[in-house]
Amino acid sequence: QVQLVESGGGLVQAGGSLRLSCAASGIGFRFNGMGWYRQGPGKQRELVATIWRGGSTNYADSVKGRFTISRDNAKNTVWLQMNSLKPEDTAVYYCNLFPTRSDYWGQGTQVTVSS
């Protein structure tokens, strides 16, 4: 059974930092690209960052220079370090494979950035 469990969200002031974690099980983690996605209030889910199995990364323009995605294949975990947070980063954050699998979405973790 595949499980992607996100954690690390919370309430933070603008300019603050959070580190999100995603623990994966039931998949060949090290063989897959992974991504962080988010869905803000009244918005569609969007791709935030991706990391390929070899470690190369890509970011949405809105988070470039502020967020860092990383992974540890031995721990089946992917992280998202978020710095210089802005109110517009408020969203539920999810991890999934990249490209996504529609049946792998978890509960996500809420990030709220106050101004």
Protein backbone atom coordinates (compact mmCIF):
# COMPACT_ATOMS: atom_id res chain seq x y z
CA GLN A 1 0.00 0.00 0.00
CA VAL A 2 1.38 3.37 -1.04
CA GLN A 3 1.53 6.08 1.57
CA LEU A 4 2.84 9.61 1.27
CA VAL A 5 2.65 11.36 4.62
CA GLU A 6 3.34 15.07 4.81
CA SER A 7 4.25 16.91 8.00
CA GLY A 8 5.87 20.08 9.24
CA GLY A 9 3.28 22.68 8.37
CA GLY A 10 2.08 25.36 10.73
CA LEU A 11 1.45 29.04 11.31
CA VAL A 12 4.37 31.37 10.70
CA GLN A 13 4.84 35.09 10.25
CA ALA A 14 5.87 36.55 6.95
CA GLY A 15 9.60 36.25 6.51
CA GLY A 16 9.75 33.09 8.57
CA SER A 17 10.75 29.56 7.66
CA LEU A 18 9.30 26.08 7.75
CA ARG A 19 10.60 22.68 6.74
CA LEU A 20 8.13 20.20 5.35
CA SER A 21 8.75 16.46 5.28
CA CYS A 22 7.20 13.72 3.19
CA ALA A 23 7.70 10.11 4.22
CA ALA A 24 7.04 7.61 1.46
CA SER A 25 6.29 3.93 1.71
CA GLY A 26 5.11 1.28 -0.70
CA ILE A 27 6.86 2.77 -3.71
CA GLY A 28 10.26 2.39 -5.28
CA PHE A 29 11.18 5.78 -3.91
CA ARG A 30 14.68 6.01 -5.28
CA PHE A 31 13.48 5.27 -8.82
CA ASN A 32 10.97 8.09 -8.93
CA GLY A 33 10.96 11.80 -9.37
CA MET A 34 9.21 13.52 -6.48
CA GLY A 35 7.38 16.80 -6.24
CA TRP A 36 5.87 19.21 -3.77
CA TYR A 37 2.55 20.75 -4.72
CA ARG A 38 0.25 23.22 -3.04
CA GLN A 39 -3.33 24.35 -3.16
CA GLY A 40 -4.15 27.77 -1.83
CA PRO A 41 -7.62 28.98 -0.82
CA GLY A 42 -9.83 29.14 -3.89
CA LYS A 43 -6.98 28.11 -6.17
CA GLN A 44 -6.07 25.07 -8.19
CA ARG A 45 -3.32 22.76 -7.04
CA GLU A 46 0.03 23.84 -8.44
CA LEU A 47 3.48 22.40 -8.73
CA VAL A 48 6.00 24.02 -6.39
CA ALA A 49 9.21 22.02 -6.79
CA THR A 50 10.50 18.78 -8.24
CA ILE A 51 13.51 16.61 -7.63
CA TRP A 52 14.56 13.83 -9.94
CA ARG A 53 16.02 10.58 -8.73
CA GLY A 54 19.50 11.85 -9.52
CA GLY A 55 18.96 14.98 -7.47
CA SER A 56 18.37 17.63 -10.11
CA THR A 57 15.73 20.14 -9.10
CA ASN A 58 13.27 22.60 -10.59
CA TYR A 59 11.14 25.28 -8.98
CA ALA A 60 8.12 27.36 -9.76
CA ASP A 61 9.10 30.94 -10.45
CA SER A 62 7.11 32.09 -7.43
CA VAL A 63 9.32 30.17 -5.00
CA LYS A 64 12.67 30.20 -6.77
CA GLY A 65 15.42 31.38 -4.46
CA ARG A 66 13.28 30.89 -1.35
CA PHE A 67 12.40 27.18 -1.32
CA THR A 68 14.73 24.19 -1.52
CA ILE A 69 13.67 20.63 -2.25
CA SER A 70 15.86 17.73 -1.18
CA ARG A 71 15.62 13.98 -0.75
CA ASP A 72 17.23 11.08 1.03
CA ASN A 73 16.68 7.85 -0.85
CA ALA A 74 17.88 5.79 2.11
CA LYS A 75 15.16 7.31 4.27
CA ASN A 76 12.45 7.40 1.58
CA THR A 77 11.93 11.04 2.49
CA VAL A 78 11.68 14.29 0.58
CA TRP A 79 11.83 17.71 2.23
CA LEU A 80 10.86 21.23 1.31
CA GLN A 81 12.76 23.98 3.10
CA MET A 82 10.77 27.18 2.84
CA ASN A 83 12.42 30.48 3.70
CA SER A 84 11.29 34.09 3.41
CA LEU A 85 7.69 32.95 3.49
CA LYS A 86 5.01 35.25 2.16
CA PRO A 87 1.26 35.36 2.84
CA GLU A 88 0.69 34.14 -0.70
CA ASP A 89 2.49 30.92 0.22
CA THR A 90 -0.48 30.02 2.42
CA ALA A 91 -1.78 26.68 1.17
CA VAL A 92 -2.10 23.00 1.85
CA TYR A 93 1.15 21.41 0.72
CA TYR A 94 1.29 17.90 -0.71
CA CYS A 95 3.96 15.61 -1.99
CA ASN A 96 3.51 13.17 -4.82
CA LEU A 97 5.50 11.53 -7.50
CA PHE A 98 6.53 13.63 -10.46
CA PRO A 99 4.73 13.10 -12.76
CA THR A 100 1.91 12.69 -10.30
CA ARG A 101 -0.14 9.62 -9.58
CA SER A 102 -3.74 10.63 -8.90
CA ASP A 103 -4.19 7.81 -6.43
CA TYR A 104 -1.18 8.82 -4.33
CA TRP A 105 -2.40 12.13 -2.91
CA GLY A 106 -2.20 12.28 0.88
CA GLN A 107 -3.81 14.60 3.38
CA GLY A 108 -1.26 17.33 2.95
CA THR A 109 0.03 19.73 5.57
CA GLN A 110 -1.35 23.22 6.11
CA VAL A 111 0.99 26.17 5.88
CA THR A 112 -0.39 29.53 6.97
CA VAL A 113 1.70 32.67 6.64
CA SER A 114 0.46 35.74 8.48
CA SER A 115 1.31 39.24 7.38
